[in-house]
Amino acid sequence: MKKIIPIIVLALMALACNNQTPETENRHQASTNQVTETLLATESSNYSKIFNEGPLAGYTGIKENPLASYEVMPLLHEDAEQLKSQKVVMKLYANGVELSNVNRLKSANGLGDAVNDLYGKKVRFTLRKEGALKSGEMEQEESVEMYIPELVEILSPPIHTAQELYPFCYYKDFTIKWNADSQNEHGLVVLVEWMGTMLSDEDDYQEYVRNIDVIKDDNGVAVLNNKLFEKIPERALCYITLLRGNIEMVDIDEVSYRVLGESHAVLPCVLIRELN
């Protein structure tokens, strides 16, 4: 099971990125490296539903670095070949907006009016099966309503200019701050990744380390578990990601869908292990 959470998290990141920034390219290249993965959280949480079987449906938002704008993209992963052979279309709606309509989810500044209704509010998701159904079969739909937390923002370490990107961060008792959401009852996922890249290009490795934990309380500040930085060397270029959202299971036509809305913000940094 441990392999499923980061695969989905990384898939969300990749799907949410239209522009290939150096950070995004590194993530894609990292898939060819030797992967070491650790899940630190031992208690079950709402995010554990990601482990469930079945297709994924909903939407994802990503802020690639503290200076980037948020981008929000729809998700609807299913057995496309099977549906094509059945001439059936599965559609997903959030508060009445069909999520396959990308233009309703994005605008020139990264966020459209529809997106403003998808975070920090209760959202009603509806899955609808349409198309050339069998004789006598009715079009089907199932709905679920859940609170989707506000877009998560990393506030500290503070980054205000391009020169401040990749701050030097000491791994021990590292404190991270974000915009708290008192209505979020499920905490956050925190992910630390290293794609084998070092501060000096001459020292790059063919490795990919990703460590994952759950922050229980969405109160805006947490001291990260030191083990999140294990197997990542001194002066490595790594990425700290905070992910916040909600997920429920919806059954339609004997298929269980993992329906979710989430956002995640990424902090690129240089890891420091030794203080001189």
Foldseek 3Di string as FASTA:
>chain_A
DQPQVVVVVLVQVQVQDPDDDVVNVLSVVLVQFAEDEAEPADDDFLVCCSVDDFWAWEKEWEAAAQVRAIAMATDTDHDVVVCVVQQKDKWKDKQRHTRVPRVCQQDPRRGHPVVVDVEQAKIKMKIWIDGDHPVPDDIDMDIDIDHWHHAKHWPPVHDDDPVCAAAEFELAQTKTFIDFDQVAQGAKKKKKKFSQAFPDNVRGDRYIYMYIYGDRHRPGMDRDDSCRCPPPDARTWMKIKIKGWGWDWDDDPNGIYTYIYMYMYIGTHTYHHDDD
